[in-house]
Amino acid sequence: MINEKQDKNFTQRLNEIVNVLMKYDKQGKNVTQRLNEIHNILTANEEYDKNLTLQLTDSMNNLQDIKVQMRYTSLSLMDVHSKTDSLNTTLTRNFDDQIRDVYGRITNITKKVAFTVGVTSYSSSWNSGTLVFDRIVYNIGGGYDSSTGVFTSPVDGHFVFFVNVQAYGGNSVYTYLVLNGSAKVTSMANGGSYQAYLAGPNLVVLRLQKGDRVWVKYYAGTGYYTEGLAPVTTFSGFRL
């Protein structure tokens, strides 16, 4: 009986040991499975890291390409900007030149100066002072003053002046054309013994500054002659 009981106990202990071993075997399988899962995860992560590294490398290469393109684009933009500035400068210069040309034309128009004047009546006794041409035939620019006989230049420039003093009968008459009181040319009509009403013309080109004064002044002789409707004794000037 005792042996039978011991056999049962032994068998029971064996069964318990088998159960424990089976339990550990099952746990071992679970551990192996978990280790395999971890290995797979690590393998997957390693592959992911490789792919990520490749993607990052591609991105860096693309970034370098973009930098190069941006550099060329920047150079192209600088070239375009330079050409645009050059074109703008050229256009501005041309526009300014055109404006100056138009302004110059307008200025020339507004600065036109010319006059022709004459005396309305003759004199057989005139022998001194300024010859006052009291009839205005033409006077643009307002330079000539018919009350004084003096032309005052309203602008700087080169001017042409012409004077003709007609002698009275057989008299002689000499005049100066003067600039600011300085004689420049002389007109002479020497009648002598002839009753001929001789002409005494002369012409001069002068460089004037604004405010310079020009007039016809007595030099020698006596008198001058003219016609009332269309003067013979005249004084003219114009800006070149």
C-alpha atoms as a PDB file:
ATOM      1  CA  MET A   1       0.000   0.000   0.000  1.00  0.00           C
ATOM      2  CA  ILE A   2       2.791   2.284   0.924  1.00  0.00           C
ATOM      3  CA  ASN A   3       4.559   1.724  -2.392  1.00  0.00           C
ATOM      4  CA  GLU A   4       1.407   2.318  -4.308  1.00  0.00           C
ATOM      5  CA  LYS A   5       0.901   5.586  -2.480  1.00  0.00           C
ATOM      6  CA  GLN A   6       4.483   6.577  -3.155  1.00  0.00           C
ATOM      7  CA  ASP A   7       4.062   5.707  -6.813  1.00  0.00           C
ATOM      8  CA  LYS A   8       1.057   7.945  -6.988  1.00  0.00           C
ATOM      9  CA  ASN A   9       2.938  10.741  -5.339  1.00  0.00           C
ATOM     10  CA  PHE A  10       5.853  10.230  -7.639  1.00  0.00           C
ATOM     11  CA  THR A  11       3.574  10.196 -10.633  1.00  0.00           C
ATOM     12  CA  GLN A  12       1.864  13.327  -9.403  1.00  0.00           C
ATOM     13  CA  ARG A  13       5.246  15.035  -8.953  1.00  0.00           C
ATOM     14  CA  LEU A  14       6.288  13.963 -12.418  1.00  0.00           C
ATOM     15  CA  ASN A  15       3.085  15.379 -13.820  1.00  0.00           C
ATOM     16  CA  GLU A  16       3.685  18.618 -11.969  1.00  0.00           C
ATOM     17  CA  ILE A  17       7.231  18.760 -13.327  1.00  0.00           C
ATOM     18  CA  VAL A  18       5.931  18.060 -16.841  1.00  0.00           C
ATOM     19  CA  ASN A  19       3.334  20.768 -16.416  1.00  0.00           C
ATOM     20  CA  VAL A  20       5.974  23.222 -15.234  1.00  0.00           C
ATOM     21  CA  LEU A  21       8.279  22.306 -18.107  1.00  0.00           C
ATOM     22  CA  MET A  22       5.412  22.647 -20.540  1.00  0.00           C
ATOM     23  CA  LYS A  23       4.591  25.989 -18.994  1.00  0.00           C
ATOM     24  CA  TYR A  24       8.198  27.158 -19.365  1.00  0.00           C
ATOM     25  CA  ASP A  25       8.324  25.766 -22.843  1.00  0.00           C
ATOM     26  CA  LYS A  26       5.266  27.735 -23.730  1.00  0.00           C
ATOM     27  CA  GLN A  27       6.765  30.848 -22.136  1.00  0.00           C
ATOM     28  CA  GLY A  28       9.974  30.182 -24.064  1.00  0.00           C
ATOM     29  CA  LYS A  29       8.052  30.006 -27.269  1.00  0.00           C
ATOM     30  CA  ASN A  30       6.387  33.291 -26.367  1.00  0.00           C
ATOM     31  CA  VAL A  31       9.759  34.835 -25.618  1.00  0.00           C
ATOM     32  CA  THR A  32      11.162  33.542 -28.895  1.00  0.00           C
ATOM     33  CA  GLN A  33       8.161  34.918 -30.694  1.00  0.00           C
ATOM     34  CA  ARG A  34       8.628  38.291 -29.003  1.00  0.00           C
ATOM     35  CA  LEU A  35      12.317  38.266 -29.854  1.00  0.00           C
ATOM     36  CA  ASN A  36      11.462  37.485 -33.469  1.00  0.00           C
ATOM     37  CA  GLU A  37       8.940  40.334 -33.492  1.00  0.00           C
ATOM     38  CA  ILE A  38      11.533  42.695 -32.021  1.00  0.00           C
ATOM     39  CA  HIS A  39      14.062  41.517 -34.627  1.00  0.00           C
ATOM     40  CA  ASN A  40      11.548  42.125 -37.381  1.00  0.00           C
ATOM     41  CA  ILE A  41      10.783  45.578 -35.983  1.00  0.00           C
ATOM     42  CA  LEU A  42      14.477  46.393 -35.775  1.00  0.00           C
ATOM     43  CA  THR A  43      15.002  45.100 -39.308  1.00  0.00           C
ATOM     44  CA  ALA A  44      12.068  47.187 -40.518  1.00  0.00           C
ATOM     45  CA  ASN A  45      13.435  50.244 -38.689  1.00  0.00           C
ATOM     46  CA  GLU A  46      16.857  49.687 -40.232  1.00  0.00           C
ATOM     47  CA  GLU A  47      15.278  49.523 -43.692  1.00  0.00           C
ATOM     48  CA  TYR A  48      13.266  52.630 -42.883  1.00  0.00           C
ATOM     49  CA  ASP A  49      16.435  54.398 -41.756  1.00  0.00           C
ATOM     50  CA  LYS A  50      18.147  53.413 -45.003  1.00  0.00           C
ATOM     51  CA  ASN A  51      15.212  54.694 -47.043  1.00  0.00           C
ATOM     52  CA  LEU A  52      15.087  57.862 -44.950  1.00  0.00           C
ATOM     53  CA  THR A  53      18.822  58.376 -45.442  1.00  0.00           C
ATOM     54  CA  LEU A  54      18.421  57.932 -49.203  1.00  0.00           C
ATOM     55  CA  GLN A  55      15.533  60.382 -49.215  1.00  0.00           C
ATOM     56  CA  LEU A  56      17.532  62.897 -47.189  1.00  0.00           C
ATOM     57  CA  THR A  57      20.496  62.453 -49.564  1.00  0.00           C
ATOM     58  CA  ASP A  58      18.195  63.021 -52.552  1.00  0.00           C
ATOM     59  CA  SER A  59      16.720  66.059 -50.828  1.00  0.00           C
ATOM     60  CA  MET A  60      20.191  67.490 -50.189  1.00  0.00           C
ATOM     61  CA  ASN A  61      21.156  66.890 -53.809  1.00  0.00           C
ATOM     62  CA  ASN A  62      17.934  68.537 -54.952  1.00  0.00           C
ATOM     63  CA  LEU A  63      18.615  71.421 -52.602  1.00  0.00           C
ATOM     64  CA  GLN A  64      22.075  71.868 -54.109  1.00  0.00           C
ATOM     65  CA  ASP A  65      20.539  71.817 -57.588  1.00  0.00           C
ATOM     66  CA  ILE A  66      18.011  74.412 -56.476  1.00  0.00           C
ATOM     67  CA  LYS A  67      20.811  76.567 -55.056  1.00  0.00           C
ATOM     68  CA  VAL A  68      22.692  76.364 -58.355  1.00  0.00           C
ATOM     69  CA  GLN A  69      19.523  77.242 -60.286  1.00  0.00           C
ATOM     70  CA  MET A  70      18.841  80.106 -57.910  1.00  0.00           C
ATOM     71  CA  ARG A  71      22.403  81.357 -58.416  1.00  0.00           C
ATOM     72  CA  TYR A  72      22.000  81.282 -62.202  1.00  0.00           C
ATOM     73  CA  THR A  73      18.554  82.834 -61.864  1.00  0.00           C
ATOM     74  CA  SER A  74      19.998  85.549 -59.629  1.00  0.00           C
ATOM     75  CA  LEU A  75      22.745  86.241 -62.169  1.00  0.00           C
ATOM     76  CA  SER A  76      20.141  86.331 -64.937  1.00  0.00           C
ATOM     77  CA  LEU A  77      17.994  88.718 -62.909  1.00  0.00           C
ATOM     78  CA  MET A  78      21.026  90.900 -62.237  1.00  0.00           C
ATOM     79  CA  ASP A  79      21.778  90.923 -65.960  1.00  0.00           C
ATOM     80  CA  VAL A  80      18.151  91.794 -66.729  1.00  0.00           C
ATOM     81  CA  HIS A  81      18.224  94.469 -64.029  1.00  0.00           C
ATOM     82  CA  SER A  82      21.446  95.896 -65.460  1.00  0.00           C
ATOM     83  CA  LYS A  83      20.040  95.905 -68.981  1.00  0.00           C
ATOM     84  CA  THR A  84      16.809  97.419 -67.681  1.00  0.00           C
ATOM     85  CA  ASP A  85      18.748 100.162 -65.894  1.00  0.00           C
ATOM     86  CA  SER A  86      20.770 100.775 -69.050  1.00  0.00           C
ATOM     87  CA  LEU A  87      17.598 100.906 -71.133  1.00  0.00           C
ATOM     88  CA  ASN A  88      15.924 103.203 -68.612  1.00  0.00           C
ATOM     89  CA  THR A  89      18.986 105.430 -68.621  1.00  0.00           C
ATOM     90  CA  THR A  90      19.001 105.527 -72.425  1.00  0.00           C
ATOM     91  CA  LEU A  91      15.267 106.202 -72.583  1.00  0.00           C
ATOM     92  CA  THR A  92      15.534 108.859 -69.878  1.00  0.00           C
ATOM     93  CA  ARG A  93      18.487 110.476 -71.667  1.00  0.00           C
ATOM     94  CA  ASN A  94      16.636 110.431 -74.982  1.00  0.00           C
ATOM     95  CA  PHE A  95      13.513 111.780 -73.303  1.00  0.00           C
ATOM     96  CA  ASP A  96      15.513 114.506 -71.569  1.00  0.00           C
ATOM     97  CA  ASP A  97      17.219 115.362 -74.870  1.00  0.00           C
ATOM     98  CA  GLN A  98      13.838 115.605 -76.571  1.00  0.00           C
ATOM     99  CA  ILE A  99      12.490 117.733 -73.735  1.00  0.00           C
ATOM    100  CA  ARG A 100      15.530 120.001 -73.939  1.00  0.00           C
ATOM    101  CA  ASP A 101      15.141 120.204 -77.705  1.00  0.00           C
ATOM    102  CA  VAL A 102      11.468 121.115 -77.404  1.00  0.00           C
ATOM    103  CA  TYR A 103      12.268 123.539 -74.609  1.00  0.00           C
ATOM    104  CA  GLY A 104      15.047 125.019 -76.720  1.00  0.00           C
ATOM    105  CA  ARG A 105      12.683 125.428 -79.653  1.00  0.00           C
ATOM    106  CA  ILE A 106      10.096 127.042 -77.412  1.00  0.00           C
ATOM    107  CA  THR A 107      12.780 129.238 -75.877  1.00  0.00           C
ATOM    108  CA  ASN A 108      14.041 130.246 -79.317  1.00  0.00           C
ATOM    109  CA  ILE A 109      10.526 131.088 -80.366  1.00  0.00           C
ATOM    110  CA  THR A 110       9.940 133.162 -77.255  1.00  0.00           C
ATOM    111  CA  LYS A 111      13.360 134.792 -77.641  1.00  0.00           C
ATOM    112  CA  LYS A 112      12.971 135.865 -81.258  1.00  0.00           C
ATOM    113  CA  VAL A 113      14.129 139.439 -81.575  1.00  0.00           C
ATOM    114  CA  ALA A 114      13.850 141.578 -84.721  1.00  0.00           C
ATOM    115  CA  PHE A 115      12.881 145.108 -85.600  1.00  0.00           C
ATOM    116  CA  THR A 116      12.693 147.584 -88.456  1.00  0.00           C
ATOM    117  CA  VAL A 117      12.018 151.256 -87.712  1.00  0.00           C
ATOM    118  CA  GLY A 118      12.151 154.516 -89.640  1.00  0.00           C
ATOM    119  CA  VAL A 119      11.701 158.240 -89.282  1.00  0.00           C
ATOM    120  CA  THR A 120       8.333 159.733 -90.239  1.00  0.00           C
ATOM    121  CA  SER A 121       9.574 163.181 -91.305  1.00  0.00           C
ATOM    122  CA  TYR A 122      12.772 164.644 -92.746  1.00  0.00           C
ATOM    123  CA  SER A 123      15.009 167.302 -91.192  1.00  0.00           C
ATOM    124  CA  SER A 124      17.365 169.678 -92.969  1.00  0.00           C
ATOM    125  CA  SER A 125      18.977 170.837 -89.723  1.00  0.00           C
ATOM    126  CA  TRP A 126      19.600 167.755 -87.556  1.00  0.00           C
ATOM    127  CA  ASN A 127      23.196 167.915 -86.322  1.00  0.00           C
ATOM    128  CA  SER A 128      23.531 166.244 -82.905  1.00  0.00           C
ATOM    129  CA  GLY A 129      22.505 163.486 -80.552  1.00  0.00           C
ATOM    130  CA  THR A 130      20.662 160.221 -81.181  1.00  0.00           C
ATOM    131  CA  LEU A 131      18.647 159.726 -84.344  1.00  0.00           C
ATOM    132  CA  VAL A 132      15.206 158.696 -83.080  1.00  0.00           C
ATOM    133  CA  PHE A 133      13.357 156.420 -85.503  1.00  0.00           C
ATOM    134  CA  ASP A 134       9.810 157.094 -84.380  1.00  0.00           C
ATOM    135  CA  ARG A 135       7.918 154.832 -86.774  1.00  0.00           C
ATOM    136  CA  ILE A 136       7.870 151.139 -85.922  1.00  0.00           C
ATOM    137  CA  VAL A 137       7.508 148.910 -88.958  1.00  0.00           C
ATOM    138  CA  TYR A 138       8.206 145.689 -87.047  1.00  0.00           C
ATOM    139  CA  ASN A 139       9.340 145.016 -83.481  1.00  0.00           C
ATOM    140  CA  ILE A 140       9.220 141.475 -82.057  1.00  0.00           C
ATOM    141  CA  GLY A 141      10.824 140.923 -78.679  1.00  0.00           C
ATOM    142  CA  GLY A 142      10.153 144.497 -77.586  1.00  0.00           C
ATOM    143  CA  GLY A 143      13.788 145.554 -77.753  1.00  0.00           C
ATOM    144  CA  TYR A 144      13.399 148.847 -79.595  1.00  0.00           C
ATOM    145  CA  ASP A 145      12.091 151.976 -77.839  1.00  0.00           C
ATOM    146  CA  SER A 146      10.621 154.475 -80.310  1.00  0.00           C
ATOM    147  CA  SER A 147      10.682 157.255 -77.721  1.00  0.00           C
ATOM    148  CA  THR A 148      14.474 157.136 -77.259  1.00  0.00           C
ATOM    149  CA  GLY A 149      15.679 155.544 -80.517  1.00  0.00           C
ATOM    150  CA  VAL A 150      17.594 152.914 -78.493  1.00  0.00           C
ATOM    151  CA  PHE A 151      17.478 149.151 -78.924  1.00  0.00           C
ATOM    152  CA  THR A 152      18.017 147.233 -75.667  1.00  0.00           C
ATOM    153  CA  SER A 153      18.765 143.526 -76.118  1.00  0.00           C
ATOM    154  CA  PRO A 154      16.290 141.360 -74.185  1.00  0.00           C
ATOM    155  CA  VAL A 155      18.530 138.266 -74.549  1.00  0.00           C
ATOM    156  CA  ASP A 156      22.119 137.208 -75.154  1.00  0.00           C
ATOM    157  CA  GLY A 157      23.030 136.428 -78.745  1.00  0.00           C
ATOM    158  CA  HIS A 158      24.538 137.449 -82.057  1.00  0.00           C
ATOM    159  CA  PHE A 159      22.736 140.280 -83.820  1.00  0.00           C
ATOM    160  CA  VAL A 160      22.802 141.820 -87.274  1.00  0.00           C
ATOM    161  CA  PHE A 161      22.146 145.574 -87.522  1.00  0.00           C
ATOM    162  CA  PHE A 162      21.558 147.642 -90.652  1.00  0.00           C
ATOM    163  CA  VAL A 163      21.292 151.398 -90.820  1.00  0.00           C
ATOM    164  CA  ASN A 164      20.569 153.707 -93.747  1.00  0.00           C
ATOM    165  CA  VAL A 165      20.567 157.472 -93.300  1.00  0.00           C
ATOM    166  CA  GLN A 166      19.524 159.322 -96.455  1.00  0.00           C
ATOM    167  CA  ALA A 167      21.170 162.761 -97.012  1.00  0.00           C
ATOM    168  CA  TYR A 168      18.919 165.774 -97.307  1.00  0.00           C
ATOM    169  CA  GLY A 169      19.307 167.242-100.803  1.00  0.00           C
ATOM    170  CA  GLY A 170      22.973 167.970-101.481  1.00  0.00           C
ATOM    171  CA  ASN A 171      23.911 167.875 -97.762  1.00  0.00           C
ATOM    172  CA  SER A 172      26.313 165.391 -96.277  1.00  0.00           C
ATOM    173  CA  VAL A 173      25.459 163.310 -93.201  1.00  0.00           C
ATOM    174  CA  TYR A 174      27.590 160.894 -91.180  1.00  0.00           C
ATOM    175  CA  THR A 175      26.373 158.661 -88.368  1.00  0.00           C
ATOM    176  CA  TYR A 176      27.794 156.067 -86.005  1.00  0.00           C
ATOM    177  CA  LEU A 177      26.109 152.860 -85.041  1.00  0.00           C
ATOM    178  CA  VAL A 178      27.115 152.521 -81.396  1.00  0.00           C
ATOM    179  CA  LEU A 179      27.052 149.734 -78.814  1.00  0.00           C
ATOM    180  CA  ASN A 180      26.839 150.950 -75.226  1.00  0.00           C
ATOM    181  CA  GLY A 181      28.333 154.278 -76.379  1.00  0.00           C
ATOM    182  CA  SER A 182      31.173 152.734 -78.405  1.00  0.00           C
ATOM    183  CA  ALA A 183      31.098 153.426 -82.175  1.00  0.00           C
ATOM    184  CA  LYS A 184      31.136 150.223 -84.265  1.00  0.00           C
ATOM    185  CA  VAL A 185      30.497 151.292 -87.891  1.00  0.00           C
ATOM    186  CA  THR A 186      29.949 154.571 -89.747  1.00  0.00           C
ATOM    187  CA  SER A 187      27.361 155.374 -92.388  1.00  0.00           C
ATOM    188  CA  MET A 188      28.210 158.168 -94.815  1.00  0.00           C
ATOM    189  CA  ALA A 189      26.131 160.081 -97.374  1.00  0.00           C
ATOM    190  CA  ASN A 190      28.359 162.764 -98.906  1.00  0.00           C
ATOM    191  CA  GLY A 191      26.173 165.104-100.978  1.00  0.00           C
ATOM    192  CA  GLY A 192      28.869 167.508-102.034  1.00  0.00           C
ATOM    193  CA  SER A 193      27.613 169.959-104.647  1.00  0.00           C
ATOM    194  CA  TYR A 194      24.999 167.588-105.999  1.00  0.00           C
ATOM    195  CA  GLN A 195      21.297 167.812-105.092  1.00  0.00           C
ATOM    196  CA  ALA A 196      21.141 164.041-105.080  1.00  0.00           C
ATOM    197  CA  TYR A 197      19.716 162.815-101.706  1.00  0.00           C
ATOM    198  CA  LEU A 198      22.495 160.245-101.434  1.00  0.00           C
ATOM    199  CA  ALA A 199      22.181 157.103 -99.218  1.00  0.00           C
ATOM    200  CA  GLY A 200      24.502 156.261 -96.366  1.00  0.00           C
ATOM    201  CA  PRO A 201      23.998 152.519 -95.565  1.00  0.00           C
ATOM    202  CA  ASN A 202      26.048 150.126 -93.401  1.00  0.00           C
ATOM    203  CA  LEU A 203      25.699 146.725 -91.714  1.00  0.00           C
ATOM    204  CA  VAL A 204      27.338 145.153 -88.681  1.00  0.00           C
ATOM    205  CA  VAL A 205      27.214 141.876 -86.724  1.00  0.00           C
ATOM    206  CA  LEU A 206      27.559 142.231 -82.949  1.00  0.00           C
ATOM    207  CA  ARG A 207      27.644 139.874 -79.984  1.00  0.00           C
ATOM    208  CA  LEU A 208      25.260 141.244 -77.365  1.00  0.00           C
ATOM    209  CA  GLN A 209      24.471 140.357 -73.809  1.00  0.00           C
ATOM    210  CA  LYS A 210      21.078 140.923 -72.285  1.00  0.00           C
ATOM    211  CA  GLY A 211      20.728 144.626 -71.472  1.00  0.00           C
ATOM    212  CA  ASP A 212      23.258 145.864 -74.052  1.00  0.00           C
ATOM    213  CA  ARG A 213      22.110 149.020 -75.892  1.00  0.00           C
ATOM    214  CA  VAL A 214      22.504 149.908 -79.579  1.00  0.00           C
ATOM    215  CA  TRP A 215      21.528 153.136 -81.353  1.00  0.00           C
ATOM    216  CA  VAL A 216      22.384 155.486 -84.238  1.00  0.00           C
ATOM    217  CA  LYS A 217      24.325 158.602 -83.260  1.00  0.00           C
ATOM    218  CA  TYR A 218      25.190 161.810 -85.099  1.00  0.00           C
ATOM    219  CA  TYR A 219      28.803 162.065 -86.251  1.00  0.00           C
ATOM    220  CA  ALA A 220      29.002 164.912 -88.828  1.00  0.00           C
ATOM    221  CA  GLY A 221      27.043 166.780 -91.485  1.00  0.00           C
ATOM    222  CA  THR A 222      23.521 168.179 -91.409  1.00  0.00           C
ATOM    223  CA  GLY A 223      20.016 166.830 -91.824  1.00  0.00           C
ATOM    224  CA  TYR A 224      18.485 163.597 -93.210  1.00  0.00           C
ATOM    225  CA  TYR A 225      15.700 162.771 -95.598  1.00  0.00           C
ATOM    226  CA  THR A 226      12.791 160.305 -95.546  1.00  0.00           C
ATOM    227  CA  GLU A 227       9.333 159.594 -96.902  1.00  0.00           C
ATOM    228  CA  GLY A 228       6.354 159.522 -94.551  1.00  0.00           C
ATOM    229  CA  LEU A 229       4.480 156.407 -95.705  1.00  0.00           C
ATOM    230  CA  ALA A 230       7.473 154.215 -96.458  1.00  0.00           C
ATOM    231  CA  PRO A 231      10.586 155.491 -94.638  1.00  0.00           C
ATOM    232  CA  VAL A 232      13.896 155.834 -96.484  1.00  0.00           C
ATOM    233  CA  THR A 233      16.026 156.547 -93.431  1.00  0.00           C
ATOM    234  CA  THR A 234      15.747 153.294 -91.461  1.00  0.00           C
ATOM    235  CA  PHE A 235      17.299 151.227 -88.714  1.00  0.00           C
ATOM    236  CA  SER A 236      16.917 147.391 -88.495  1.00  0.00           C
ATOM    237  CA  GLY A 237      18.238 144.566 -86.385  1.00  0.00           C
ATOM    238  CA  PHE A 238      17.613 140.876 -85.724  1.00  0.00           C
ATOM    239  CA  ARG A 239      19.040 138.019 -83.650  1.00  0.00           C
ATOM    240  CA  LEU A 240      20.735 135.197 -85.539  1.00  0.00           C
END
